[in-house]
C-alpha atoms as a PDB file:
ATOM      1  CA  GLN A   1      72.775 -44.180 -42.420  1.00  0.00           C
ATOM      2  CA  VAL A   2      71.971 -42.400 -39.040  1.00  0.00           C
ATOM      3  CA  GLN A   3      69.009 -40.061 -38.356  1.00  0.00           C
ATOM      4  CA  LEU A   4      69.968 -36.920 -36.697  1.00  0.00           C
ATOM      5  CA  VAL A   5      67.721 -34.655 -34.445  1.00  0.00           C
ATOM      6  CA  GLU A   6      68.870 -31.240 -33.022  1.00  0.00           C
ATOM      7  CA  SER A   7      67.637 -29.333 -30.378  1.00  0.00           C
ATOM      8  CA  GLY A   8      68.614 -26.572 -28.097  1.00  0.00           C
ATOM      9  CA  GLY A   9      68.406 -23.250 -30.493  1.00  0.00           C
ATOM     10  CA  GLY A  10      66.678 -20.088 -29.340  1.00  0.00           C
ATOM     11  CA  LEU A  11      66.675 -16.520 -29.124  1.00  0.00           C
ATOM     12  CA  VAL A  12      69.236 -15.028 -26.579  1.00  0.00           C
ATOM     13  CA  GLN A  13      71.123 -11.823 -26.357  1.00  0.00           C
ATOM     14  CA  ALA A  14      74.691 -10.941 -27.331  1.00  0.00           C
ATOM     15  CA  GLY A  15      77.158 -12.487 -24.691  1.00  0.00           C
ATOM     16  CA  ASP A  16      74.865 -15.254 -23.522  1.00  0.00           C
ATOM     17  CA  SER A  17      75.166 -18.867 -24.032  1.00  0.00           C
ATOM     18  CA  LEU A  18      73.655 -21.916 -25.552  1.00  0.00           C
ATOM     19  CA  ARG A  19      74.136 -25.358 -25.772  1.00  0.00           C
ATOM     20  CA  LEU A  20      72.945 -27.424 -29.020  1.00  0.00           C
ATOM     21  CA  SER A  21      72.105 -31.216 -28.965  1.00  0.00           C
ATOM     22  CA  CYS A  22      72.035 -33.677 -31.676  1.00  0.00           C
ATOM     23  CA  VAL A  23      70.731 -37.061 -30.928  1.00  0.00           C
ATOM     24  CA  ALA A  24      71.393 -39.971 -33.391  1.00  0.00           C
ATOM     25  CA  SER A  25      69.651 -43.096 -34.264  1.00  0.00           C
ATOM     26  CA  GLY A  26      71.432 -46.367 -34.515  1.00  0.00           C
ATOM     27  CA  ARG A  27      73.998 -48.614 -32.570  1.00  0.00           C
ATOM     28  CA  THR A  28      77.193 -47.219 -34.393  1.00  0.00           C
ATOM     29  CA  PHE A  29      77.043 -43.616 -33.437  1.00  0.00           C
ATOM     30  CA  SER A  30      80.651 -44.301 -31.827  1.00  0.00           C
ATOM     31  CA  SER A  31      82.105 -44.875 -35.160  1.00  0.00           C
ATOM     32  CA  TYR A  32      80.904 -41.652 -36.906  1.00  0.00           C
ATOM     33  CA  ASN A  33      82.616 -38.272 -37.129  1.00  0.00           C
ATOM     34  CA  MET A  34      79.934 -35.701 -36.187  1.00  0.00           C
ATOM     35  CA  GLY A  35      79.969 -32.061 -37.383  1.00  0.00           C
ATOM     36  CA  TRP A  36      78.018 -29.052 -36.692  1.00  0.00           C
ATOM     37  CA  PHE A  37      77.441 -26.203 -39.595  1.00  0.00           C
ATOM     38  CA  ARG A  38      75.382 -23.458 -39.756  1.00  0.00           C
ATOM     39  CA  GLN A  39      73.632 -21.226 -42.422  1.00  0.00           C
ATOM     40  CA  ALA A  40      72.334 -17.491 -42.109  1.00  0.00           C
ATOM     41  CA  PRO A  41      70.039 -16.056 -44.242  1.00  0.00           C
ATOM     42  CA  GLY A  42      71.284 -15.087 -47.757  1.00  0.00           C
ATOM     43  CA  LYS A  43      74.667 -17.002 -46.913  1.00  0.00           C
ATOM     44  CA  GLU A  44      75.977 -20.232 -47.897  1.00  0.00           C
ATOM     45  CA  ARG A  45      76.315 -23.025 -45.298  1.00  0.00           C
ATOM     46  CA  GLU A  46      79.395 -23.048 -43.443  1.00  0.00           C
ATOM     47  CA  PHE A  47      81.614 -25.155 -41.148  1.00  0.00           C
ATOM     48  CA  VAL A  48      81.509 -24.719 -37.582  1.00  0.00           C
ATOM     49  CA  ALA A  49      83.069 -27.759 -35.770  1.00  0.00           C
ATOM     50  CA  ARG A  50      83.435 -31.249 -35.967  1.00  0.00           C
ATOM     51  CA  ILE A  51      84.477 -33.971 -33.642  1.00  0.00           C
ATOM     52  CA  HIS A  52      86.382 -37.177 -35.088  1.00  0.00           C
ATOM     53  CA  TRP A  53      85.200 -40.532 -33.885  1.00  0.00           C
ATOM     54  CA  SER A  54      88.291 -40.714 -32.180  1.00  0.00           C
ATOM     55  CA  GLY A  55      87.544 -37.536 -30.243  1.00  0.00           C
ATOM     56  CA  SER A  56      89.953 -34.959 -31.978  1.00  0.00           C
ATOM     57  CA  THR A  57      88.233 -31.830 -32.579  1.00  0.00           C
ATOM     58  CA  LEU A  58      88.465 -29.031 -35.225  1.00  0.00           C
ATOM     59  CA  TYR A  59      86.837 -25.474 -35.178  1.00  0.00           C
ATOM     60  CA  ALA A  60      86.389 -22.786 -37.789  1.00  0.00           C
ATOM     61  CA  ASP A  61      88.374 -19.618 -36.919  1.00  0.00           C
ATOM     62  CA  SER A  62      85.308 -17.647 -36.303  1.00  0.00           C
ATOM     63  CA  VAL A  63      84.368 -19.830 -33.199  1.00  0.00           C
ATOM     64  CA  LYS A  64      87.370 -20.918 -32.007  1.00  0.00           C
ATOM     65  CA  GLY A  65      87.751 -20.195 -28.260  1.00  0.00           C
ATOM     66  CA  ARG A  66      84.094 -19.750 -27.926  1.00  0.00           C
ATOM     67  CA  PHE A  67      82.398 -22.982 -28.897  1.00  0.00           C
ATOM     68  CA  THR A  68      83.115 -26.333 -27.713  1.00  0.00           C
ATOM     69  CA  ILE A  69      82.186 -29.460 -29.505  1.00  0.00           C
ATOM     70  CA  SER A  70      81.932 -32.719 -27.739  1.00  0.00           C
ATOM     71  CA  ARG A  71      80.021 -36.204 -27.790  1.00  0.00           C
ATOM     72  CA  ASP A  72      78.610 -38.677 -25.486  1.00  0.00           C
ATOM     73  CA  ASN A  73      78.442 -41.968 -27.291  1.00  0.00           C
ATOM     74  CA  ALA A  74      76.596 -43.625 -24.565  1.00  0.00           C
ATOM     75  CA  LYS A  75      73.736 -41.374 -25.410  1.00  0.00           C
ATOM     76  CA  ASN A  76      74.483 -41.149 -28.973  1.00  0.00           C
ATOM     77  CA  THR A  77      74.711 -37.445 -28.773  1.00  0.00           C
ATOM     78  CA  VAL A  78      76.945 -34.580 -29.831  1.00  0.00           C
ATOM     79  CA  PHE A  79      76.896 -31.323 -28.374  1.00  0.00           C
ATOM     80  CA  LEU A  80      77.897 -27.599 -29.193  1.00  0.00           C
ATOM     81  CA  GLN A  81      78.511 -25.569 -26.353  1.00  0.00           C
ATOM     82  CA  MET A  82      78.315 -21.880 -27.535  1.00  0.00           C
ATOM     83  CA  LEU A  83      79.675 -19.064 -25.191  1.00  0.00           C
ATOM     84  CA  ARG A  84      80.029 -15.298 -25.868  1.00  0.00           C
ATOM     85  CA  LEU A  85      77.430 -15.537 -28.548  1.00  0.00           C
ATOM     86  CA  LYS A  86      77.273 -12.624 -31.165  1.00  0.00           C
ATOM     87  CA  PRO A  87      74.923 -11.475 -33.523  1.00  0.00           C
ATOM     88  CA  GLU A  88      76.826 -12.737 -36.553  1.00  0.00           C
ATOM     89  CA  ASP A  89      76.349 -16.384 -34.850  1.00  0.00           C
ATOM     90  CA  THR A  90      72.672 -16.064 -35.766  1.00  0.00           C
ATOM     91  CA  ALA A  91      71.639 -18.936 -38.177  1.00  0.00           C
ATOM     92  CA  VAL A  92      70.206 -22.523 -38.538  1.00  0.00           C
ATOM     93  CA  TYR A  93      72.455 -24.878 -36.929  1.00  0.00           C
ATOM     94  CA  SER A  94      72.507 -28.551 -38.269  1.00  0.00           C
ATOM     95  CA  CYS A  95      74.667 -31.421 -37.507  1.00  0.00           C
ATOM     96  CA  ALA A  96      75.878 -33.939 -39.788  1.00  0.00           C
ATOM     97  CA  ALA A  97      77.675 -37.190 -39.607  1.00  0.00           C
ATOM     98  CA  ASN A  98      79.761 -39.370 -41.736  1.00  0.00           C
ATOM     99  CA  ARG A  99      82.358 -42.162 -41.563  1.00  0.00           C
ATOM    100  CA  GLY A 100      85.045 -40.444 -43.642  1.00  0.00           C
ATOM    101  CA  GLY A 101      84.373 -38.330 -46.937  1.00  0.00           C
ATOM    102  CA  ASP A 102      81.457 -36.327 -47.611  1.00  0.00           C
ATOM    103  CA  TRP A 103      78.731 -35.409 -44.985  1.00  0.00           C
ATOM    104  CA  THR A 104      76.078 -37.945 -45.913  1.00  0.00           C
ATOM    105  CA  ASN A 105      73.629 -37.468 -43.129  1.00  0.00           C
ATOM    106  CA  TRP A 106      72.005 -34.301 -41.930  1.00  0.00           C
ATOM    107  CA  GLY A 107      69.587 -33.097 -39.381  1.00  0.00           C
ATOM    108  CA  GLN A 108      66.680 -30.627 -39.935  1.00  0.00           C
ATOM    109  CA  GLY A 109      68.729 -27.827 -38.034  1.00  0.00           C
ATOM    110  CA  THR A 110      67.738 -25.562 -35.071  1.00  0.00           C
ATOM    111  CA  GLN A 111      67.299 -21.760 -35.054  1.00  0.00           C
ATOM    112  CA  VAL A 112      69.801 -19.632 -33.155  1.00  0.00           C
ATOM    113  CA  THR A 113      69.133 -16.238 -32.866  1.00  0.00           C
ATOM    114  CA  VAL A 114      71.341 -13.716 -31.218  1.00  0.00           C
ATOM    115  CA  SER A 115      69.973 -10.372 -30.420  1.00  0.00           C
ATOM    116  CA  SER A 116      72.538  -7.171 -30.189  1.00  0.00           C
END
């Protein structure tokens, strides 16, 4: 089990950038796959991006080319760099961790609001 704490959300204008961070507890961070998800009001939670423990990445089509997920194992941190933000990116962004299979560890989320 790892505990996850997100930060970096805020209110920005369309076209702006934000970088989200998620810090994990524990000594085995490097063995976890890490993911970012988001949930907009009235909508189901959706996958945004994930980075495998090996470093390979995967993105939702809606963010491909604008968002970049990365990790710093020395700092137990996963990042989500978000460029050219759009109003439809407005959501609560949460990070998650697993060692394969279901996403079993979740952070509390950080709000991102993009105004038009």
